[in-house]
Amino acid sequence: MKQVIIKKVSRIDGIRFHNFLNNNQKAVIAHMEDKHNVAVHECLKRTMVFLVTHDEHFRKPLRPLVLANGDGYVFPPQKFPEFHPKALCSSPSRKVHEFLVREFRMFVDENEATLLVGL
């Protein structure tokens, strides 16, 4: 199953697959991420979560990245239909991004950003 996911994700323009997250990594991220980043917290609830990076060749978001609410603002989850109809993707905070880069010893160039994908 994991090899199928890697292959399918790797075919999406502007996306680079990095790694699957284990439960410990998901727990660290859940603790570290801002409560307003609903998107990351929703992704982390999914059974399978993996990390990709995207560059400028990846499509624009399908809905607004930030929404105002009674508490100020939230970052809602984004659908990721190129991969799977039920998949969600989310942009982690800078703090979580830096954790992921260190945790997975990633090389991320200045044109890339991390995304968490939950399925």
C-alpha atoms as a PDB file:
ATOM      1  CA  MET A   1       0.000   0.000   0.000  1.00  0.00           C
ATOM      2  CA  LYS A   2       2.747   2.479   0.931  1.00  0.00           C
ATOM      3  CA  GLN A   3       4.590   1.945  -2.354  1.00  0.00           C
ATOM      4  CA  VAL A   4       1.370   2.627  -4.275  1.00  0.00           C
ATOM      5  CA  ILE A   5       0.918   5.880  -2.344  1.00  0.00           C
ATOM      6  CA  ILE A   6       4.503   6.985  -2.971  1.00  0.00           C
ATOM      7  CA  LYS A   7       4.171   6.258  -6.690  1.00  0.00           C
ATOM      8  CA  LYS A   8       0.823   8.045  -7.039  1.00  0.00           C
ATOM      9  CA  VAL A   9       1.909  11.127  -5.068  1.00  0.00           C
ATOM     10  CA  SER A  10       5.182  11.347  -6.978  1.00  0.00           C
ATOM     11  CA  ARG A  11       3.259  11.747 -10.246  1.00  0.00           C
ATOM     12  CA  ILE A  12       1.573  14.966  -9.090  1.00  0.00           C
ATOM     13  CA  ASP A  13       3.176  18.041 -10.631  1.00  0.00           C
ATOM     14  CA  GLY A  14       5.044  20.138  -8.080  1.00  0.00           C
ATOM     15  CA  ILE A  15       4.904  17.520  -5.284  1.00  0.00           C
ATOM     16  CA  ARG A  16       7.811  15.552  -3.798  1.00  0.00           C
ATOM     17  CA  PHE A  17       7.139  12.663  -1.386  1.00  0.00           C
ATOM     18  CA  HIS A  18       9.308  12.482   1.763  1.00  0.00           C
ATOM     19  CA  ASN A  19       8.044  10.113   4.455  1.00  0.00           C
ATOM     20  CA  PHE A  20       5.179   8.583   6.413  1.00  0.00           C
ATOM     21  CA  LEU A  21       4.637   9.837   9.959  1.00  0.00           C
ATOM     22  CA  ASN A  22       4.455   7.419  12.875  1.00  0.00           C
ATOM     23  CA  ASN A  23       2.205   7.902  15.919  1.00  0.00           C
ATOM     24  CA  ASN A  24       4.991   9.480  18.001  1.00  0.00           C
ATOM     25  CA  GLN A  25       5.748  12.051  15.315  1.00  0.00           C
ATOM     26  CA  LYS A  26       2.027  12.798  14.946  1.00  0.00           C
ATOM     27  CA  ALA A  27       1.776  13.356  18.728  1.00  0.00           C
ATOM     28  CA  VAL A  28       4.753  15.739  18.752  1.00  0.00           C
ATOM     29  CA  ILE A  29       3.260  17.740  15.893  1.00  0.00           C
ATOM     30  CA  ALA A  30      -0.186  17.840  17.547  1.00  0.00           C
ATOM     31  CA  HIS A  31       1.394  19.274  20.686  1.00  0.00           C
ATOM     32  CA  MET A  32       3.577  21.727  18.771  1.00  0.00           C
ATOM     33  CA  GLU A  33       1.071  23.054  16.225  1.00  0.00           C
ATOM     34  CA  ASP A  34      -1.032  26.151  16.871  1.00  0.00           C
ATOM     35  CA  LYS A  35      -4.650  25.330  17.812  1.00  0.00           C
ATOM     36  CA  HIS A  36      -5.888  27.634  15.025  1.00  0.00           C
ATOM     37  CA  ASN A  37      -4.271  25.396  12.423  1.00  0.00           C
ATOM     38  CA  VAL A  38      -7.325  23.149  12.198  1.00  0.00           C
ATOM     39  CA  ALA A  39      -6.003  21.737   8.924  1.00  0.00           C
ATOM     40  CA  VAL A  40      -2.943  20.128  10.532  1.00  0.00           C
ATOM     41  CA  HIS A  41      -4.956  18.787  13.455  1.00  0.00           C
ATOM     42  CA  GLU A  42      -7.542  17.279  11.074  1.00  0.00           C
ATOM     43  CA  CYS A  43      -4.790  15.618   9.012  1.00  0.00           C
ATOM     44  CA  LEU A  44      -3.225  14.159  12.156  1.00  0.00           C
ATOM     45  CA  LYS A  45      -6.516  12.443  13.044  1.00  0.00           C
ATOM     46  CA  ARG A  46      -6.321  10.378   9.870  1.00  0.00           C
ATOM     47  CA  THR A  47      -5.037   6.808   9.944  1.00  0.00           C
ATOM     48  CA  MET A  48      -2.250   7.467   7.465  1.00  0.00           C
ATOM     49  CA  VAL A  49      -0.320  10.744   7.425  1.00  0.00           C
ATOM     50  CA  PHE A  50       2.623  11.506   5.197  1.00  0.00           C
ATOM     51  CA  LEU A  51       4.876  14.411   4.417  1.00  0.00           C
ATOM     52  CA  VAL A  52       5.419  15.993   1.023  1.00  0.00           C
ATOM     53  CA  THR A  53       6.910  19.218  -0.194  1.00  0.00           C
ATOM     54  CA  HIS A  54       5.456  21.355  -2.933  1.00  0.00           C
ATOM     55  CA  ASP A  55       6.907  24.009  -5.167  1.00  0.00           C
ATOM     56  CA  GLU A  56       5.473  26.681  -7.450  1.00  0.00           C
ATOM     57  CA  HIS A  57       4.382  24.057 -10.005  1.00  0.00           C
ATOM     58  CA  PHE A  58       1.744  22.662  -7.640  1.00  0.00           C
ATOM     59  CA  ARG A  59      -1.750  24.060  -8.116  1.00  0.00           C
ATOM     60  CA  LYS A  60      -3.170  26.967  -6.150  1.00  0.00           C
ATOM     61  CA  PRO A  61      -5.285  26.157  -3.039  1.00  0.00           C
ATOM     62  CA  LEU A  62      -8.846  25.051  -3.789  1.00  0.00           C
ATOM     63  CA  ARG A  63     -10.258  27.176  -0.967  1.00  0.00           C
ATOM     64  CA  PRO A  64      -9.003  30.037   1.223  1.00  0.00           C
ATOM     65  CA  LEU A  65      -6.030  29.142   3.429  1.00  0.00           C
ATOM     66  CA  VAL A  66      -7.227  31.387   6.277  1.00  0.00           C
ATOM     67  CA  LEU A  67     -10.786  31.999   7.469  1.00  0.00           C
ATOM     68  CA  ALA A  68     -12.016  34.459  10.078  1.00  0.00           C
ATOM     69  CA  ASN A  69     -14.152  33.103  12.926  1.00  0.00           C
ATOM     70  CA  GLY A  70     -15.294  34.218  16.374  1.00  0.00           C
ATOM     71  CA  ASP A  71     -11.853  33.427  17.843  1.00  0.00           C
ATOM     72  CA  GLY A  72      -9.949  35.400  15.234  1.00  0.00           C
ATOM     73  CA  TYR A  73      -8.902  33.042  12.458  1.00  0.00           C
ATOM     74  CA  VAL A  74      -8.468  29.387  11.506  1.00  0.00           C
ATOM     75  CA  PHE A  75      -6.517  27.517   8.870  1.00  0.00           C
ATOM     76  CA  PRO A  76      -9.033  25.050   7.379  1.00  0.00           C
ATOM     77  CA  PRO A  77      -8.056  21.711   5.824  1.00  0.00           C
ATOM     78  CA  GLN A  78      -7.615  21.586   2.072  1.00  0.00           C
ATOM     79  CA  LYS A  79      -8.860  18.760  -0.113  1.00  0.00           C
ATOM     80  CA  PHE A  80      -6.226  16.884  -2.106  1.00  0.00           C
ATOM     81  CA  PRO A  81      -8.284  15.329  -4.942  1.00  0.00           C
ATOM     82  CA  GLU A  82      -5.249  14.738  -7.183  1.00  0.00           C
ATOM     83  CA  PHE A  83      -4.286  12.008  -4.759  1.00  0.00           C
ATOM     84  CA  HIS A  84      -7.589  10.690  -3.335  1.00  0.00           C
ATOM     85  CA  PRO A  85     -11.147  12.057  -2.933  1.00  0.00           C
ATOM     86  CA  LYS A  86     -10.968  11.723   0.876  1.00  0.00           C
ATOM     87  CA  ALA A  87      -7.418  13.039   1.320  1.00  0.00           C
ATOM     88  CA  LEU A  88      -6.715  16.289   3.162  1.00  0.00           C
ATOM     89  CA  CYS A  89      -3.575  18.382   3.016  1.00  0.00           C
ATOM     90  CA  SER A  90      -2.381  21.112   5.321  1.00  0.00           C
ATOM     91  CA  SER A  91       0.452  23.586   5.674  1.00  0.00           C
ATOM     92  CA  PRO A  92       2.179  23.285   9.028  1.00  0.00           C
ATOM     93  CA  SER A  93       3.462  26.243  11.003  1.00  0.00           C
ATOM     94  CA  ARG A  94       7.076  27.320  10.645  1.00  0.00           C
ATOM     95  CA  LYS A  95       7.889  25.598  13.947  1.00  0.00           C
ATOM     96  CA  VAL A  96       6.455  22.282  12.735  1.00  0.00           C
ATOM     97  CA  HIS A  97       8.067  22.724   9.319  1.00  0.00           C
ATOM     98  CA  GLU A  98      11.475  23.081  10.978  1.00  0.00           C
ATOM     99  CA  PHE A  99      10.801  20.027  13.171  1.00  0.00           C
ATOM    100  CA  LEU A 100       9.911  17.965  10.084  1.00  0.00           C
ATOM    101  CA  VAL A 101      13.010  19.090   8.192  1.00  0.00           C
ATOM    102  CA  ARG A 102      15.203  18.054  11.159  1.00  0.00           C
ATOM    103  CA  GLU A 103      13.281  14.862  11.947  1.00  0.00           C
ATOM    104  CA  PHE A 104      13.507  13.506   8.403  1.00  0.00           C
ATOM    105  CA  ARG A 105      16.864  15.125   7.538  1.00  0.00           C
ATOM    106  CA  MET A 106      15.244  16.719   4.516  1.00  0.00           C
ATOM    107  CA  PHE A 107      16.780  19.039   2.013  1.00  0.00           C
ATOM    108  CA  VAL A 108      14.141  21.621   1.183  1.00  0.00           C
ATOM    109  CA  ASP A 109      15.107  24.387  -1.185  1.00  0.00           C
ATOM    110  CA  GLU A 110      13.808  27.934  -0.959  1.00  0.00           C
ATOM    111  CA  ASN A 111      11.038  27.262  -3.505  1.00  0.00           C
ATOM    112  CA  GLU A 112       9.494  24.402  -1.518  1.00  0.00           C
ATOM    113  CA  ALA A 113       7.158  24.238   1.448  1.00  0.00           C
ATOM    114  CA  THR A 114       6.024  21.259   3.522  1.00  0.00           C
ATOM    115  CA  LEU A 115       2.539  19.791   3.428  1.00  0.00           C
ATOM    116  CA  LEU A 116       1.033  17.109   5.624  1.00  0.00           C
ATOM    117  CA  VAL A 117      -1.390  14.771   3.881  1.00  0.00           C
ATOM    118  CA  GLY A 118      -3.927  12.720   5.795  1.00  0.00           C
ATOM    119  CA  LEU A 119      -5.905   9.770   4.483  1.00  0.00           C
END
